[in-house]
All heavy atoms as atom14 arrays in JSON, in Angstrom:
{
  "sequence": "EAGFPPGVFSSILIPNERAAAVIRHPAIRAVTLTGSERAGMAVA",
  "atom14_mask": [
    [1, 1, 1, 1, 1, 1, 1, 1, 1, 0, 0, 0, 0, 0],
    [1, 1, 1, 1, 1, 0, 0, 0, 0, 0, 0, 0, 0, 0],
    [1, 1, 1, 1, 0, 0, 0, 0, 0, 0, 0, 0, 0, 0],
    [1, 1, 1, 1, 1, 1, 1, 1, 1, 1, 1, 0, 0, 0],
    [1, 1, 1, 1, 1, 1, 1, 0, 0, 0, 0, 0, 0, 0],
    [1, 1, 1, 1, 1, 1, 1, 0, 0, 0, 0, 0, 0, 0],
    [1, 1, 1, 1, 0, 0, 0, 0, 0, 0, 0, 0, 0, 0],
    [1, 1, 1, 1, 1, 1, 1, 0, 0, 0, 0, 0, 0, 0],
    [1, 1, 1, 1, 1, 1, 1, 1, 1, 1, 1, 0, 0, 0],
    [1, 1, 1, 1, 1, 1, 0, 0, 0, 0, 0, 0, 0, 0],
    [1, 1, 1, 1, 1, 1, 0, 0, 0, 0, 0, 0, 0, 0],
    [1, 1, 1, 1, 1, 1, 1, 1, 0, 0, 0, 0, 0, 0],
    [1, 1, 1, 1, 1, 1, 1, 1, 0, 0, 0, 0, 0, 0],
    [1, 1, 1, 1, 1, 1, 1, 1, 0, 0, 0, 0, 0, 0],
    [1, 1, 1, 1, 1, 1, 1, 0, 0, 0, 0, 0, 0, 0],
    [1, 1, 1, 1, 1, 1, 1, 1, 0, 0, 0, 0, 0, 0],
    [1, 1, 1, 1, 1, 1, 1, 1, 1, 0, 0, 0, 0, 0],
    [1, 1, 1, 1, 1, 1, 1, 1, 1, 1, 1, 0, 0, 0],
    [1, 1, 1, 1, 1, 0, 0, 0, 0, 0, 0, 0, 0, 0],
    [1, 1, 1, 1, 1, 0, 0, 0, 0, 0, 0, 0, 0, 0],
    [1, 1, 1, 1, 1, 0, 0, 0, 0, 0, 0, 0, 0, 0],
    [1, 1, 1, 1, 1, 1, 1, 0, 0, 0, 0, 0, 0, 0],
    [1, 1, 1, 1, 1, 1, 1, 1, 0, 0, 0, 0, 0, 0],
    [1, 1, 1, 1, 1, 1, 1, 1, 1, 1, 1, 0, 0, 0],
    [1, 1, 1, 1, 1, 1, 1, 1, 1, 1, 0, 0, 0, 0],
    [1, 1, 1, 1, 1, 1, 1, 0, 0, 0, 0, 0, 0, 0],
    [1, 1, 1, 1, 1, 0, 0, 0, 0, 0, 0, 0, 0, 0],
    [1, 1, 1, 1, 1, 1, 1, 1, 0, 0, 0, 0, 0, 0],
    [1, 1, 1, 1, 1, 1, 1, 1, 1, 1, 1, 0, 0, 0],
    [1, 1, 1, 1, 1, 0, 0, 0, 0, 0, 0, 0, 0, 0],
    [1, 1, 1, 1, 1, 1, 1, 0, 0, 0, 0, 0, 0, 0],
    [1, 1, 1, 1, 1, 1, 1, 0, 0, 0, 0, 0, 0, 0],
    [1, 1, 1, 1, 1, 1, 1, 1, 0, 0, 0, 0, 0, 0],
    [1, 1, 1, 1, 1, 1, 1, 0, 0, 0, 0, 0, 0, 0],
    [1, 1, 1, 1, 0, 0, 0, 0, 0, 0, 0, 0, 0, 0],
    [1, 1, 1, 1, 1, 1, 0, 0, 0, 0, 0, 0, 0, 0],
    [1, 1, 1, 1, 1, 1, 1, 1, 1, 0, 0, 0, 0, 0],
    [1, 1, 1, 1, 1, 1, 1, 1, 1, 1, 1, 0, 0, 0],
    [1, 1, 1, 1, 1, 0, 0, 0, 0, 0, 0, 0, 0, 0],
    [1, 1, 1, 1, 0, 0, 0, 0, 0, 0, 0, 0, 0, 0],
    [1, 1, 1, 1, 1, 1, 1, 1, 0, 0, 0, 0, 0, 0],
    [1, 1, 1, 1, 1, 0, 0, 0, 0, 0, 0, 0, 0, 0],
    [1, 1, 1, 1, 1, 1, 1, 0, 0, 0, 0, 0, 0, 0],
    [1, 1, 1, 1, 1, 0, 0, 0, 0, 0, 0, 0, 0, 0]
  ],
  "atom14_positions": [
    [[-135.08, 100.56, -18.95], [-133.69, 100.41, -19.43], [-133.53, 99.1, -20.26], [-132.79, 99.09, -21.15], [-132.66, 100.29, -18.21], [-131.22, 100.19, -18.64], [-130.24, 100.33, -17.43], [-130.7, 100.62, -16.38], [-129.05, 99.88, -17.64], [0.0, 0.0, 0.0], [0.0, 0.0, 0.0], [0.0, 0.0, 0.0], [0.0, 0.0, 0.0], [0.0, 0.0, 0.0]],
    [[-134.35, 98.08, -19.96], [-134.29, 96.85, -20.69], [-134.91, 96.94, -22.05], [-134.66, 96.04, -22.96], [-134.96, 95.7, -19.91], [0.0, 0.0, 0.0], [0.0, 0.0, 0.0], [0.0, 0.0, 0.0], [0.0, 0.0, 0.0], [0.0, 0.0, 0.0], [0.0, 0.0, 0.0], [0.0, 0.0, 0.0], [0.0, 0.0, 0.0], [0.0, 0.0, 0.0]],
    [[-135.63, 98.04, -22.33], [-136.1, 98.22, -23.69], [-137.62, 98.0, -23.89], [-138.04, 97.98, -25.0], [0.0, 0.0, 0.0], [0.0, 0.0, 0.0], [0.0, 0.0, 0.0], [0.0, 0.0, 0.0], [0.0, 0.0, 0.0], [0.0, 0.0, 0.0], [0.0, 0.0, 0.0], [0.0, 0.0, 0.0], [0.0, 0.0, 0.0], [0.0, 0.0, 0.0]],
    [[-138.37, 97.84, -22.81], [-139.8, 97.67, -22.91], [-140.37, 99.0, -23.36], [-139.98, 100.05, -22.87], [-140.4, 97.17, -21.58], [-140.26, 95.7, -21.32], [-139.03, 95.29, -20.64], [-141.21, 94.8, -21.71], [-138.87, 94.01, -20.35], [-140.95, 93.43, -21.44], [-139.82, 93.09, -20.77], [0.0, 0.0, 0.0], [0.0, 0.0, 0.0], [0.0, 0.0, 0.0]],
    [[-141.3, 98.94, -24.25], [-141.84, 100.18, -24.75], [-142.69, 100.98, -23.61], [-143.08, 100.45, -22.58], [-143.05, 99.79, -25.77], [-142.5, 98.48, -26.23], [-141.87, 97.82, -25.08], [0.0, 0.0, 0.0], [0.0, 0.0, 0.0], [0.0, 0.0, 0.0], [0.0, 0.0, 0.0], [0.0, 0.0, 0.0], [0.0, 0.0, 0.0], [0.0, 0.0, 0.0]],
    [[-142.73, 102.32, -23.67], [-143.53, 103.11, -22.64], [-144.94, 102.54, -22.42], [-145.59, 102.19, -23.41], [-143.48, 104.49, -23.19], [-142.35, 104.61, -24.19], [-142.26, 103.12, -24.73], [0.0, 0.0, 0.0], [0.0, 0.0, 0.0], [0.0, 0.0, 0.0], [0.0, 0.0, 0.0], [0.0, 0.0, 0.0], [0.0, 0.0, 0.0], [0.0, 0.0, 0.0]],
    [[-145.25, 102.46, -21.21], [-146.56, 101.98, -20.88], [-146.83, 100.44, -20.71], [-147.74, 100.01, -20.24], [0.0, 0.0, 0.0], [0.0, 0.0, 0.0], [0.0, 0.0, 0.0], [0.0, 0.0, 0.0], [0.0, 0.0, 0.0], [0.0, 0.0, 0.0], [0.0, 0.0, 0.0], [0.0, 0.0, 0.0], [0.0, 0.0, 0.0], [0.0, 0.0, 0.0]],
    [[-145.77, 99.68, -21.04], [-145.84, 98.23, -20.87], [-145.65, 97.9, -19.47], [-146.34, 96.86, -18.98], [-144.82, 97.57, -21.68], [-144.79, 95.99, -21.5], [-145.16, 97.79, -23.25], [0.0, 0.0, 0.0], [0.0, 0.0, 0.0], [0.0, 0.0, 0.0], [0.0, 0.0, 0.0], [0.0, 0.0, 0.0], [0.0, 0.0, 0.0], [0.0, 0.0, 0.0]],
    [[-144.9, 98.59, -18.68], [-144.76, 98.28, -17.24], [-144.75, 99.72, -16.52], [-143.76, 100.49, -16.93], [-143.57, 97.53, -16.85], [-143.62, 97.07, -15.37], [-144.23, 95.94, -14.95], [-143.09, 98.0, -14.46], [-144.28, 95.68, -13.57], [-143.11, 97.7, -13.07], [-143.73, 96.51, -12.67], [0.0, 0.0, 0.0], [0.0, 0.0, 0.0], [0.0, 0.0, 0.0]],
    [[-145.58, 100.04, -15.65], [-145.54, 101.3, -14.92], [-145.8, 101.1, -13.39], [-146.4, 100.12, -13.02], [-146.65, 102.18, -15.41], [-146.69, 102.36, -16.85], [0.0, 0.0, 0.0], [0.0, 0.0, 0.0], [0.0, 0.0, 0.0], [0.0, 0.0, 0.0], [0.0, 0.0, 0.0], [0.0, 0.0, 0.0], [0.0, 0.0, 0.0], [0.0, 0.0, 0.0]],
    [[-145.25, 102.0, -12.71], [-145.43, 101.95, -11.19], [-146.32, 103.14, -10.84], [-146.13, 104.3, -11.39], [-144.09, 102.05, -10.39], [-143.42, 100.88, -10.44], [0.0, 0.0, 0.0], [0.0, 0.0, 0.0], [0.0, 0.0, 0.0], [0.0, 0.0, 0.0], [0.0, 0.0, 0.0], [0.0, 0.0, 0.0], [0.0, 0.0, 0.0], [0.0, 0.0, 0.0]],
    [[-147.31, 102.98, -9.96], [-148.07, 104.13, -9.31], [-147.84, 104.04, -7.83], [-147.92, 102.93, -7.27], [-149.53, 104.07, -9.67], [-150.1, 102.71, -9.3], [-149.79, 104.31, -11.17], [-151.61, 102.55, -9.52], [0.0, 0.0, 0.0], [0.0, 0.0, 0.0], [0.0, 0.0, 0.0], [0.0, 0.0, 0.0], [0.0, 0.0, 0.0], [0.0, 0.0, 0.0]],
    [[-147.5, 105.18, -7.28], [-147.31, 105.29, -5.81], [-148.57, 105.87, -5.12], [-148.78, 107.11, -5.23], [-146.11, 106.17, -5.54], [-144.82, 105.76, -6.18], [-143.62, 106.74, -5.82], [-144.39, 104.36, -5.82], [0.0, 0.0, 0.0], [0.0, 0.0, 0.0], [0.0, 0.0, 0.0], [0.0, 0.0, 0.0], [0.0, 0.0, 0.0], [0.0, 0.0, 0.0]],
    [[-149.34, 105.03, -4.58], [-150.61, 105.48, -4.03], [-150.78, 104.77, -2.74], [-150.28, 103.57, -2.47], [-151.81, 105.14, -4.96], [-152.0, 103.64, -5.17], [-151.75, 105.9, -6.26], [-153.19, 103.27, -5.95], [0.0, 0.0, 0.0], [0.0, 0.0, 0.0], [0.0, 0.0, 0.0], [0.0, 0.0, 0.0], [0.0, 0.0, 0.0], [0.0, 0.0, 0.0]],
    [[-151.52, 105.4, -1.78], [-151.85, 104.62, -0.59], [-152.9, 103.58, -0.8], [-153.62, 103.54, -1.76], [-152.5, 105.77, 0.31], [-153.08, 106.77, -0.59], [-152.11, 106.72, -1.88], [0.0, 0.0, 0.0], [0.0, 0.0, 0.0], [0.0, 0.0, 0.0], [0.0, 0.0, 0.0], [0.0, 0.0, 0.0], [0.0, 0.0, 0.0], [0.0, 0.0, 0.0]],
    [[-153.03, 102.64, 0.13], [-153.88, 101.48, -0.11], [-155.3, 101.86, -0.2], [-156.13, 101.22, -1.06], [-153.84, 100.57, 1.22], [-152.45, 99.94, 1.38], [-151.64, 99.85, 0.4], [-152.06, 99.62, 2.56], [0.0, 0.0, 0.0], [0.0, 0.0, 0.0], [0.0, 0.0, 0.0], [0.0, 0.0, 0.0], [0.0, 0.0, 0.0], [0.0, 0.0, 0.0]],
    [[-155.75, 102.94, 0.28], [-157.12, 103.41, 0.16], [-157.46, 103.78, -1.26], [-158.67, 103.83, -1.54], [-157.33, 104.65, 1.19], [-157.17, 104.29, 2.6], [-155.82, 104.17, 3.08], [-154.95, 104.6, 2.39], [-155.5, 103.57, 4.11], [0.0, 0.0, 0.0], [0.0, 0.0, 0.0], [0.0, 0.0, 0.0], [0.0, 0.0, 0.0], [0.0, 0.0, 0.0]],
    [[-156.55, 104.12, -2.08], [-156.81, 104.5, -3.36], [-156.84, 103.29, -4.45], [-157.06, 103.54, -5.66], [-155.86, 105.59, -3.83], [-156.15, 106.95, -3.24], [-155.07, 107.95, -3.59], [-154.95, 108.14, -5.02], [-153.85, 108.74, -5.49], [-152.9, 109.32, -4.78], [-153.78, 108.96, -6.87], [0.0, 0.0, 0.0], [0.0, 0.0, 0.0], [0.0, 0.0, 0.0]],
    [[-156.43, 102.1, -3.92], [-156.42, 101.01, -4.76], [-157.68, 100.65, -5.39], [-157.83, 100.17, -6.52], [-155.72, 99.85, -4.08], [0.0, 0.0, 0.0], [0.0, 0.0, 0.0], [0.0, 0.0, 0.0], [0.0, 0.0, 0.0], [0.0, 0.0, 0.0], [0.0, 0.0, 0.0], [0.0, 0.0, 0.0], [0.0, 0.0, 0.0], [0.0, 0.0, 0.0]],
    [[-158.87, 100.72, -4.65], [-160.09, 100.32, -5.09], [-160.53, 101.04, -6.44], [-161.05, 100.42, -7.41], [-161.19, 100.6, -4.0], [0.0, 0.0, 0.0], [0.0, 0.0, 0.0], [0.0, 0.0, 0.0], [0.0, 0.0, 0.0], [0.0, 0.0, 0.0], [0.0, 0.0, 0.0], [0.0, 0.0, 0.0], [0.0, 0.0, 0.0], [0.0, 0.0, 0.0]],
    [[-160.26, 102.35, -6.49], [-160.49, 103.13, -7.68], [-159.72, 102.75, -8.89], [-160.29, 102.61, -9.98], [-160.28, 104.62, -7.47], [0.0, 0.0, 0.0], [0.0, 0.0, 0.0], [0.0, 0.0, 0.0], [0.0, 0.0, 0.0], [0.0, 0.0, 0.0], [0.0, 0.0, 0.0], [0.0, 0.0, 0.0], [0.0, 0.0, 0.0], [0.0, 0.0, 0.0]],
    [[-158.54, 102.22, -8.67], [-157.7, 101.66, -9.86], [-158.26, 100.34, -10.22], [-158.39, 100.08, -11.49], [-156.21, 101.51, -9.36], [-155.36, 100.99, -10.54], [-155.66, 102.91, -8.96], [0.0, 0.0, 0.0], [0.0, 0.0, 0.0], [0.0, 0.0, 0.0], [0.0, 0.0, 0.0], [0.0, 0.0, 0.0], [0.0, 0.0, 0.0], [0.0, 0.0, 0.0]],
    [[-158.64, 99.46, -9.33], [-159.31, 98.24, -9.67], [-160.51, 98.44, -10.57], [-160.76, 97.71, -11.56], [-159.62, 97.36, -8.38], [-158.39, 97.04, -7.68], [-160.49, 96.15, -8.79], [-158.59, 96.4, -6.28], [0.0, 0.0, 0.0], [0.0, 0.0, 0.0], [0.0, 0.0, 0.0], [0.0, 0.0, 0.0], [0.0, 0.0, 0.0], [0.0, 0.0, 0.0]],
    [[-161.28, 99.47, -10.18], [-162.56, 99.77, -10.9], [-162.34, 100.38, -12.32], [-163.17, 100.3, -13.18], [-163.5, 100.65, -10.07], [-164.05, 99.94, -8.87], [-165.15, 100.89, -8.28], [-164.59, 102.25, -8.01], [-164.27, 102.57, -6.7], [-164.22, 101.69, -5.73], [-163.79, 103.76, -6.4], [0.0, 0.0, 0.0], [0.0, 0.0, 0.0], [0.0, 0.0, 0.0]],
    [[-161.16, 100.84, -12.59], [-160.85, 101.65, -13.69], [-161.1, 100.72, -14.94], [-160.62, 99.58, -14.97], [-159.48, 102.21, -13.71], [-159.23, 103.3, -14.74], [-159.0, 102.91, -16.07], [-159.19, 104.6, -14.68], [-158.78, 103.99, -16.73], [-158.91, 105.11, -16.0], [0.0, 0.0, 0.0], [0.0, 0.0, 0.0], [0.0, 0.0, 0.0], [0.0, 0.0, 0.0]],
    [[-161.76, 101.19, -16.03], [-162.08, 100.34, -17.18], [-160.78, 99.83, -17.94], [-160.88, 98.83, -18.64], [-162.94, 101.23, -18.05], [-162.72, 102.7, -17.59], [-162.41, 102.53, -16.14], [0.0, 0.0, 0.0], [0.0, 0.0, 0.0], [0.0, 0.0, 0.0], [0.0, 0.0, 0.0], [0.0, 0.0, 0.0], [0.0, 0.0, 0.0], [0.0, 0.0, 0.0]],
    [[-159.63, 100.48, -17.76], [-158.44, 100.08, -18.42], [-157.97, 98.77, -17.8], [-157.29, 97.93, -18.43], [-157.34, 101.13, -18.36], [0.0, 0.0, 0.0], [0.0, 0.0, 0.0], [0.0, 0.0, 0.0], [0.0, 0.0, 0.0], [0.0, 0.0, 0.0], [0.0, 0.0, 0.0], [0.0, 0.0, 0.0], [0.0, 0.0, 0.0], [0.0, 0.0, 0.0]],
    [[-158.13, 98.55, -16.49], [-157.6, 97.32, -15.84], [-158.48, 96.2, -16.12], [-159.68, 96.19, -15.93], [-157.58, 97.59, -14.3], [-156.51, 98.71, -13.94], [-157.2, 96.34, -13.53], [-155.12, 98.36, -14.34], [0.0, 0.0, 0.0], [0.0, 0.0, 0.0], [0.0, 0.0, 0.0], [0.0, 0.0, 0.0], [0.0, 0.0, 0.0], [0.0, 0.0, 0.0]],
    [[-157.9, 95.13, -16.57], [-158.62, 93.84, -16.94], [-158.54, 92.8, -15.9], [-159.35, 91.97, -15.86], [-158.2, 93.28, -18.23], [-158.28, 94.35, -19.42], [-159.69, 94.56, -19.79], [-159.83, 95.52, -20.94], [-159.74, 95.13, -22.24], [-159.43, 93.85, -22.51], [-159.77, 96.02, -23.2], [0.0, 0.0, 0.0], [0.0, 0.0, 0.0], [0.0, 0.0, 0.0]],
    [[-157.56, 92.81, -14.96], [-157.27, 91.77, -14.06], [-156.45, 92.31, -12.92], [-155.81, 93.26, -13.13], [-156.69, 90.49, -14.66], [0.0, 0.0, 0.0], [0.0, 0.0, 0.0], [0.0, 0.0, 0.0], [0.0, 0.0, 0.0], [0.0, 0.0, 0.0], [0.0, 0.0, 0.0], [0.0, 0.0, 0.0], [0.0, 0.0, 0.0], [0.0, 0.0, 0.0]],
    [[-156.51, 91.58, -11.79], [-155.66, 92.03, -10.65], [-155.02, 90.8, -10.01], [-155.56, 89.76, -9.91], [-156.64, 92.69, -9.54], [-155.81, 93.24, -8.37], [-157.52, 93.77, -10.18], [0.0, 0.0, 0.0], [0.0, 0.0, 0.0], [0.0, 0.0, 0.0], [0.0, 0.0, 0.0], [0.0, 0.0, 0.0], [0.0, 0.0, 0.0], [0.0, 0.0, 0.0]],
    [[-153.75, 91.03, -9.63], [-153.04, 90.08, -8.92], [-152.53, 90.75, -7.6], [-152.13, 91.78, -7.64], [-151.86, 89.36, -9.65], [-151.23, 88.37, -8.83], [-150.85, 90.36, -10.08], [0.0, 0.0, 0.0], [0.0, 0.0, 0.0], [0.0, 0.0, 0.0], [0.0, 0.0, 0.0], [0.0, 0.0, 0.0], [0.0, 0.0, 0.0], [0.0, 0.0, 0.0]],
    [[-152.7, 89.96, -6.41], [-152.25, 90.58, -5.17], [-151.57, 89.47, -4.33], [-151.91, 88.29, -4.31], [-153.5, 90.92, -4.35], [-153.28, 91.3, -2.84], [-153.92, 92.68, -2.58], [-153.68, 90.28, -2.0], [0.0, 0.0, 0.0], [0.0, 0.0, 0.0], [0.0, 0.0, 0.0], [0.0, 0.0, 0.0], [0.0, 0.0, 0.0], [0.0, 0.0, 0.0]],
    [[-150.47, 89.99, -3.78], [-149.81, 89.15, -2.75], [-149.91, 89.94, -1.47], [-149.37, 91.1, -1.42], [-148.34, 88.87, -3.11], [-148.29, 88.1, -4.32], [-147.55, 88.05, -2.0], [0.0, 0.0, 0.0], [0.0, 0.0, 0.0], [0.0, 0.0, 0.0], [0.0, 0.0, 0.0], [0.0, 0.0, 0.0], [0.0, 0.0, 0.0], [0.0, 0.0, 0.0]],
    [[-150.51, 89.39, -0.44], [-150.6, 90.18, 0.79], [-151.43, 89.42, 1.85], [-151.48, 88.17, 1.8], [0.0, 0.0, 0.0], [0.0, 0.0, 0.0], [0.0, 0.0, 0.0], [0.0, 0.0, 0.0], [0.0, 0.0, 0.0], [0.0, 0.0, 0.0], [0.0, 0.0, 0.0], [0.0, 0.0, 0.0], [0.0, 0.0, 0.0], [0.0, 0.0, 0.0]],
    [[-152.07, 90.08, 2.69], [-152.77, 89.52, 3.89], [-154.21, 89.07, 3.48], [-154.63, 89.33, 2.39], [-152.88, 90.67, 4.94], [-153.79, 91.65, 4.47], [0.0, 0.0, 0.0], [0.0, 0.0, 0.0], [0.0, 0.0, 0.0], [0.0, 0.0, 0.0], [0.0, 0.0, 0.0], [0.0, 0.0, 0.0], [0.0, 0.0, 0.0], [0.0, 0.0, 0.0]],
    [[-154.74, 88.22, 4.37], [-156.04, 87.85, 4.17], [-157.06, 89.04, 3.98], [-157.95, 88.97, 3.09], [-156.59, 86.97, 5.38], [-155.92, 85.68, 5.52], [-156.37, 85.07, 6.89], [-155.76, 85.36, 7.84], [-157.38, 84.31, 6.84], [0.0, 0.0, 0.0], [0.0, 0.0, 0.0], [0.0, 0.0, 0.0], [0.0, 0.0, 0.0], [0.0, 0.0, 0.0]],
    [[-156.87, 90.03, 4.95], [-157.72, 91.13, 4.85], [-157.58, 91.97, 3.47], [-158.59, 92.24, 2.96], [-157.32, 92.1, 5.98], [-158.17, 93.5, 5.95], [-157.48, 94.47, 6.88], [-156.14, 94.82, 6.54], [-155.74, 95.55, 5.56], [-156.67, 96.13, 4.78], [-154.47, 95.72, 5.36], [0.0, 0.0, 0.0], [0.0, 0.0, 0.0], [0.0, 0.0, 0.0]],
    [[-156.4, 92.09, 3.01], [-156.2, 92.71, 1.65], [-156.81, 91.88, 0.59], [-157.46, 92.45, -0.28], [-154.73, 92.96, 1.49], [0.0, 0.0, 0.0], [0.0, 0.0, 0.0], [0.0, 0.0, 0.0], [0.0, 0.0, 0.0], [0.0, 0.0, 0.0], [0.0, 0.0, 0.0], [0.0, 0.0, 0.0], [0.0, 0.0, 0.0], [0.0, 0.0, 0.0]],
    [[-156.67, 90.57, 0.73], [-157.25, 89.69, -0.33], [-158.7, 89.78, -0.44], [-159.32, 89.78, -1.53], [0.0, 0.0, 0.0], [0.0, 0.0, 0.0], [0.0, 0.0, 0.0], [0.0, 0.0, 0.0], [0.0, 0.0, 0.0], [0.0, 0.0, 0.0], [0.0, 0.0, 0.0], [0.0, 0.0, 0.0], [0.0, 0.0, 0.0], [0.0, 0.0, 0.0]],
    [[-159.34, 89.76, 0.73], [-160.82, 89.88, 0.79], [-161.29, 91.21, 0.12], [-162.22, 91.24, -0.61], [-161.31, 89.69, 2.15], [-161.1, 88.36, 2.73], [-161.62, 88.31, 4.57], [-161.01, 86.6, 5.0], [0.0, 0.0, 0.0], [0.0, 0.0, 0.0], [0.0, 0.0, 0.0], [0.0, 0.0, 0.0], [0.0, 0.0, 0.0], [0.0, 0.0, 0.0]],
    [[-160.67, 92.27, 0.42], [-161.03, 93.54, -0.05], [-160.85, 93.68, -1.51], [-161.79, 94.18, -2.29], [-160.14, 94.67, 0.64], [0.0, 0.0, 0.0], [0.0, 0.0, 0.0], [0.0, 0.0, 0.0], [0.0, 0.0, 0.0], [0.0, 0.0, 0.0], [0.0, 0.0, 0.0], [0.0, 0.0, 0.0], [0.0, 0.0, 0.0], [0.0, 0.0, 0.0]],
    [[-159.67, 93.14, -2.01], [-159.37, 93.14, -3.48], [-160.31, 92.37, -4.23], [-160.91, 92.65, -5.24], [-157.84, 92.85, -3.67], [-157.72, 92.55, -5.28], [-157.02, 93.91, -3.22], [0.0, 0.0, 0.0], [0.0, 0.0, 0.0], [0.0, 0.0, 0.0], [0.0, 0.0, 0.0], [0.0, 0.0, 0.0], [0.0, 0.0, 0.0], [0.0, 0.0, 0.0]],
    [[-160.66, 91.1, -3.69], [-161.51, 90.17, -4.34], [-162.85, 90.74, -4.4], [-163.61, 90.55, -5.5], [-161.52, 88.82, -3.69], [0.0, 0.0, 0.0], [0.0, 0.0, 0.0], [0.0, 0.0, 0.0], [0.0, 0.0, 0.0], [0.0, 0.0, 0.0], [0.0, 0.0, 0.0], [0.0, 0.0, 0.0], [0.0, 0.0, 0.0], [0.0, 0.0, 0.0]]
  ]
}
């Protein structure tokens, strides 16, 4: 609604178990996480 072009900000609704595949995807260049120690270790 604010006028950002399509694709500049998107939400994906996925379970935690599918996040690893998204991290590996070649389109993704970096990852930021706010969460638990366990989640941080897994994402890192």
